[in-house]
Protein backbone atom coordinates (compact mmCIF):
# COMPACT_ATOMS: atom_id res chain seq x y z
CA ARG A 1 -6.69 0.40 -5.22
CA ASN A 2 -8.52 3.66 -5.87
CA ALA A 3 -9.21 3.95 -2.15
CA GLY A 4 -5.55 3.31 -1.39
CA VAL A 5 -4.33 5.95 -3.84
CA LEU A 6 -6.81 8.53 -2.52
CA ALA A 7 -5.75 7.80 1.07
CA ALA A 8 -2.00 7.83 0.31
CA ARG A 9 0.04 10.83 1.45
CA GLY A 10 3.44 9.95 0.02
CA GLU A 11 4.82 11.25 -3.27
CA VAL A 12 5.14 7.76 -4.78
CA VAL A 13 2.68 4.86 -4.79
CA VAL A 14 3.95 1.28 -5.09
CA PHE A 15 1.51 -1.38 -6.27
CA ILE A 16 2.00 -5.08 -5.60
CA ASP A 17 -0.38 -8.02 -5.72
CA SER A 18 -1.67 -9.37 -2.42
CA ASP A 19 0.14 -12.68 -3.02
CA LEU A 20 3.52 -11.11 -3.88
CA VAL A 21 6.51 -11.67 -1.58
CA VAL A 22 9.25 -9.02 -1.74
CA THR A 23 12.81 -8.76 -0.46
CA GLY A 24 14.41 -6.22 1.87
CA SER A 25 15.82 -4.11 -0.98
CA PHE A 26 12.52 -3.92 -2.88
CA LEU A 27 11.44 -0.36 -2.04
CA ARG A 28 14.94 1.08 -2.25
CA SER A 29 15.40 -0.43 -5.73
CA HIS A 30 12.18 1.12 -6.97
CA ALA A 31 13.01 4.50 -5.40
CA ASP A 32 16.56 4.68 -6.80
CA GLN A 33 15.50 3.76 -10.33
CA LEU A 34 12.43 6.01 -10.31
CA TYR A 35 14.21 9.14 -9.12
CA ARG A 36 17.01 8.46 -11.59
CA ALA A 37 14.39 8.43 -14.35
CA TYR A 38 12.91 11.69 -13.07
CA GLN A 39 16.32 13.35 -13.26
CA GLN A 40 17.00 12.07 -16.77
CA ARG A 41 13.60 13.15 -18.09
CA GLY A 42 13.23 16.37 -16.16
CA ASP A 43 9.68 15.44 -15.12
CA GLU A 44 7.73 12.65 -13.40
CA ARG A 45 6.30 11.02 -16.51
CA ALA A 46 7.82 7.63 -15.75
CA PHE A 47 7.14 4.57 -13.63
CA THR A 48 9.29 1.63 -12.62
CA TYR A 49 8.30 -1.93 -13.38
CA GLY A 50 9.84 -4.56 -11.11
CA ARG A 51 10.54 -8.17 -11.94
CA VAL A 52 7.81 -10.72 -11.13
CA VAL A 53 8.81 -14.34 -10.57
CA ASN A 54 5.93 -16.81 -10.43
CA THR A 55 6.27 -19.62 -7.93
CA ASP A 56 4.28 -22.30 -6.14
CA ASN A 57 6.89 -22.59 -3.37
CA PHE A 58 5.16 -20.95 -0.41
CA ALA A 59 7.76 -22.12 2.15
CA ASP A 60 10.59 -20.16 0.48
CA PRO A 61 9.48 -18.39 -2.71
CA THR A 62 12.84 -16.62 -3.08
CA LEU A 63 14.39 -19.93 -4.18
CA GLU A 64 12.45 -19.72 -7.46
CA PRO A 65 14.64 -18.65 -10.42
CA PHE A 66 13.50 -16.19 -13.06
CA LYS A 67 12.08 -18.16 -16.02
CA LEU A 68 11.27 -17.43 -19.64
CA SER A 69 7.58 -17.79 -18.77
CA ASP A 70 7.95 -14.94 -16.23
CA MET A 71 8.76 -12.40 -18.94
CA SER A 72 6.02 -9.88 -19.66
CA ALA A 73 5.51 -7.17 -22.27
CA ALA A 74 2.62 -5.60 -20.34
CA PHE A 75 2.60 -1.83 -19.82
CA PHE A 76 1.62 -0.89 -16.27
CA ALA A 77 0.68 -4.32 -14.92
CA THR A 78 0.21 -3.39 -11.26
CA GLY A 79 1.67 -6.55 -9.78
CA ASN A 80 4.92 -4.65 -9.20
CA VAL A 81 5.14 -0.96 -10.17
CA ALA A 82 6.04 2.38 -8.59
CA ILE A 83 4.69 5.70 -9.87
CA SER A 84 4.15 9.30 -8.80
CA ARG A 85 0.86 9.69 -6.94
CA GLN A 86 0.30 13.02 -8.66
CA MET A 87 0.72 11.35 -12.06
CA LEU A 88 -2.02 8.88 -11.11
CA MET A 89 -4.35 11.64 -9.94
CA ASP A 90 -3.72 13.78 -13.04
CA ASN A 91 -4.61 10.88 -15.34
CA GLY A 92 -7.46 9.36 -13.36
CA THR A 93 -11.24 9.21 -13.39
CA PRO A 94 -13.64 10.94 -10.95
CA ASP A 95 -13.44 7.80 -8.76
CA GLY A 96 -9.65 7.57 -8.79
CA PRO A 97 -7.00 6.43 -11.27
CA PHE A 98 -8.64 3.06 -12.03
CA ASP A 99 -11.83 2.95 -14.12
CA THR A 100 -14.59 1.44 -11.97
CA GLU A 101 -16.49 0.24 -15.04
CA PHE A 102 -14.14 -2.75 -14.89
CA SER A 103 -16.16 -4.54 -12.23
CA GLU A 104 -14.85 -8.03 -13.02
CA TYR A 105 -11.40 -9.59 -13.31
CA GLY A 106 -8.85 -8.24 -15.73
CA TRP A 107 -7.49 -5.28 -17.71
CA GLU A 108 -8.26 -2.35 -15.38
CA ASP A 109 -4.56 -1.78 -14.72
CA LEU A 110 -3.57 -2.05 -18.37
CA GLU A 111 -6.41 0.31 -19.31
CA LEU A 112 -4.90 2.88 -16.95
CA GLY A 113 -1.58 2.10 -18.62
CA GLU A 114 -3.05 3.05 -22.00
CA ARG A 115 -4.10 6.42 -20.63
CA LEU A 116 -0.67 6.98 -19.10
CA LYS A 117 1.07 5.98 -22.34
CA GLN A 118 -1.06 8.41 -24.34
CA ARG A 119 0.18 11.20 -22.05
CA GLY A 120 3.82 10.36 -22.62
CA VAL A 121 4.48 8.34 -19.47
CA CYS A 122 7.26 5.81 -20.04
CA ILE A 123 8.09 2.47 -18.44
CA VAL A 124 11.47 1.99 -16.73
CA GLN A 125 12.52 -1.60 -16.10
CA CYS A 126 13.68 -2.27 -12.54
CA PRO A 127 14.72 -5.94 -12.32
CA GLU A 128 16.37 -5.35 -8.93
CA ALA A 129 12.91 -4.84 -7.39
CA VAL A 130 11.96 -8.52 -7.42
CA GLY A 131 8.56 -9.79 -6.34
CA PHE A 132 7.83 -13.50 -5.98
CA HIS A 133 4.25 -14.12 -7.08
CA TYR A 134 2.80 -17.10 -5.25
CA HIS A 135 0.34 -19.33 -7.10
CA PRO A 136 -0.74 -22.58 -5.42
CA ALA A 137 0.20 -25.61 -7.48
CA PHE A 138 -2.61 -26.62 -9.82
CA THR A 139 -5.23 -29.03 -8.56
CA ILE A 140 -8.36 -30.28 -10.30
CA ASP A 141 -10.68 -28.45 -7.91
CA GLN A 142 -9.31 -25.12 -9.25
CA LEU A 143 -10.95 -25.71 -12.65
CA PRO A 144 -14.25 -23.85 -12.00
CA SER A 145 -12.52 -20.74 -10.64
CA LEU A 146 -9.95 -20.71 -13.47
CA ILE A 147 -12.69 -20.93 -16.09
CA LYS A 148 -14.73 -18.20 -14.39
CA GLN A 149 -11.66 -15.95 -14.30
CA GLU A 150 -11.09 -16.39 -18.04
CA GLN A 151 -14.73 -15.63 -18.80
CA GLN A 152 -14.46 -12.42 -16.79
CA ARG A 153 -11.21 -11.56 -18.57
CA GLY A 154 -12.95 -12.00 -21.92
CA ARG A 155 -15.87 -9.75 -20.99
CA ASN A 156 -13.63 -7.04 -19.57
CA GLY A 157 -11.43 -7.28 -22.66
CA VAL A 158 -14.34 -6.04 -24.77
CA ARG A 159 -14.72 -3.02 -22.47
CA PHE A 160 -11.00 -2.36 -22.72
CA PHE A 161 -11.12 -2.41 -26.52
CA GLN A 162 -14.24 -0.25 -26.57
CA LYS A 163 -12.37 2.43 -24.60
CA HIS A 164 -9.14 2.09 -26.62
CA PRO A 165 -9.96 0.72 -30.09
CA ASN A 166 -6.40 0.32 -31.35
CA LEU A 167 -4.42 -2.63 -32.68
CA GLY A 168 -2.29 -3.02 -29.57
CA VAL A 169 -5.32 -3.47 -27.31
CA ARG A 170 -7.03 -5.71 -29.84
CA LEU A 171 -4.02 -8.04 -29.79
CA MET A 172 -3.83 -7.95 -26.00
CA VAL A 173 -7.44 -9.00 -25.50
CA GLN A 174 -7.31 -11.54 -28.36
CA MET A 175 -10.03 -9.87 -30.43
CA THR A 176 -8.66 -11.01 -33.80
CA PRO A 177 -9.59 -13.76 -36.25
CA LEU A 178 -6.10 -15.23 -35.74
CA HIS A 179 -6.66 -15.77 -32.02
CA ILE A 180 -10.06 -17.30 -32.67
CA ALA A 181 -8.51 -19.66 -35.24
CA ILE A 182 -5.59 -20.67 -33.01
CA TRP A 183 -7.71 -21.60 -30.01
CA TRP A 184 -10.34 -23.24 -32.23
CA LEU A 185 -7.68 -25.48 -33.80
CA LEU A 186 -6.01 -26.35 -30.48
CA THR A 187 -9.33 -27.30 -28.87
CA LEU A 188 -11.14 -28.47 -32.03
CA GLY A 189 -13.75 -25.84 -31.44
CA GLY A 190 -14.18 -26.77 -27.79
CA LEU A 191 -14.40 -30.56 -28.33
CA ILE A 192 -11.14 -30.89 -26.40
CA ASN A 193 -12.22 -29.39 -23.10
CA GLU A 194 -11.57 -29.67 -19.38
CA LYS A 195 -13.91 -32.65 -19.10
CA VAL A 196 -12.11 -34.60 -21.82
CA LEU A 197 -8.67 -33.75 -20.41
CA ARG A 198 -9.61 -34.27 -16.77
CA PRO A 199 -8.03 -37.78 -16.46
CA LEU A 200 -4.78 -36.53 -18.05
CA LEU A 201 -4.77 -33.42 -15.86
CA GLN A 202 -5.27 -35.54 -12.76
CA LEU A 203 -2.51 -37.92 -13.85
CA SER A 204 -0.11 -34.99 -14.29
CA VAL A 205 -0.97 -33.71 -10.81
CA ASN A 206 -0.54 -37.19 -9.30
CA MET A 207 2.88 -37.45 -10.95
CA GLY A 208 3.93 -34.17 -9.33
CA ARG A 209 3.72 -32.23 -12.59
CA PRO A 210 1.13 -29.50 -11.92
CA ARG A 211 2.84 -27.09 -14.31
CA LEU A 212 2.48 -29.64 -17.11
CA ALA A 213 -1.22 -29.85 -16.27
CA MET A 214 -1.52 -26.07 -16.53
CA GLY A 215 0.26 -26.13 -19.87
CA LEU A 216 -2.24 -28.69 -21.18
CA LEU A 217 -5.11 -26.63 -19.81
CA SER A 218 -3.94 -23.31 -21.28
CA PRO A 219 -5.56 -23.65 -24.75
CA ILE A 220 -8.88 -24.59 -23.12
CA LEU A 221 -8.79 -21.57 -20.84
CA ASN A 222 -7.99 -19.32 -23.78
CA TRP A 223 -10.94 -20.82 -25.68
CA TYR A 224 -13.18 -19.80 -22.78
CA THR A 225 -11.68 -16.30 -22.99
CA VAL A 226 -12.42 -15.78 -26.68
CA GLN A 227 -15.89 -17.31 -26.31
CA ALA A 228 -16.69 -14.83 -23.53
CA THR A 229 -15.32 -12.04 -25.73
CA ARG A 230 -17.64 -13.06 -28.56
CA GLU A 231 -20.69 -13.23 -26.30
CA GLU A 232 -19.96 -9.86 -24.68
CA ALA A 233 -19.39 -8.18 -28.05
CA ARG A 234 -22.75 -9.47 -29.24
CA ARG A 235 -24.44 -8.37 -26.04
CA MET A 236 -23.01 -4.87 -26.47
CA HIS A 237 -24.05 -4.85 -30.16
CA MET A 238 -20.51 -4.20 -31.37
CA GLY A 239 -21.26 -5.10 -34.97
CA PHE A 240 -17.78 -4.27 -36.30
CA ILE A 241 -16.44 -7.07 -34.09
CA GLN A 242 -19.29 -9.48 -34.64
CA SER A 243 -18.58 -9.43 -38.36
CA TRP A 244 -15.53 -11.65 -37.92
CA LEU A 245 -16.40 -13.52 -34.72
CA PRO A 246 -17.79 -17.00 -35.52
């Protein structure tokens, strides 16, 4: 993404995920809403955030309706945003707008969002710019990659908090005793894990209920996240966090 921003020559950069399907009015919707925000504010300290609809329907993703689970409170999640290129360059790092210290999965876009927010950049909702985010339906063989992704998310979350040690980031990356307690209770401290649930997960998949399987798996994945957070905090000798991590 840094390379793309540096190579771009247009005034506005639009970010989407590589597995996002958009409609014909996507760019126009972003442009209309963004320039309207510029006029209202009198400057370019704004970005548009389009709607993201998650789907496992690859044949025709546009058939997927917007669901409660598709709602997001994230600030500058780059699955579907449009922003002034100059704003990115003015608030970037020597390597580009995204911090290259985030070498694993997770948080590098929201970390940039924190920097933008601190400089008065605001988010403008643009639900007309819809992107359909394709995720293959859950299968058992995805377990190793899903667990690895959560472990990377946990480690990067510590870096995120180290750069922005505020309550909002702490809640986002689940670095609180409450999050530890919730996922400990729901997994009995890891006793309920992917190995124990494997037969039930497979049954759900066989019954054509992959989303149910993912729902059952969610507490386990979050337990991996907070465990990775704990281990990374200890590795980085962040004593003020270790004091309440079990």
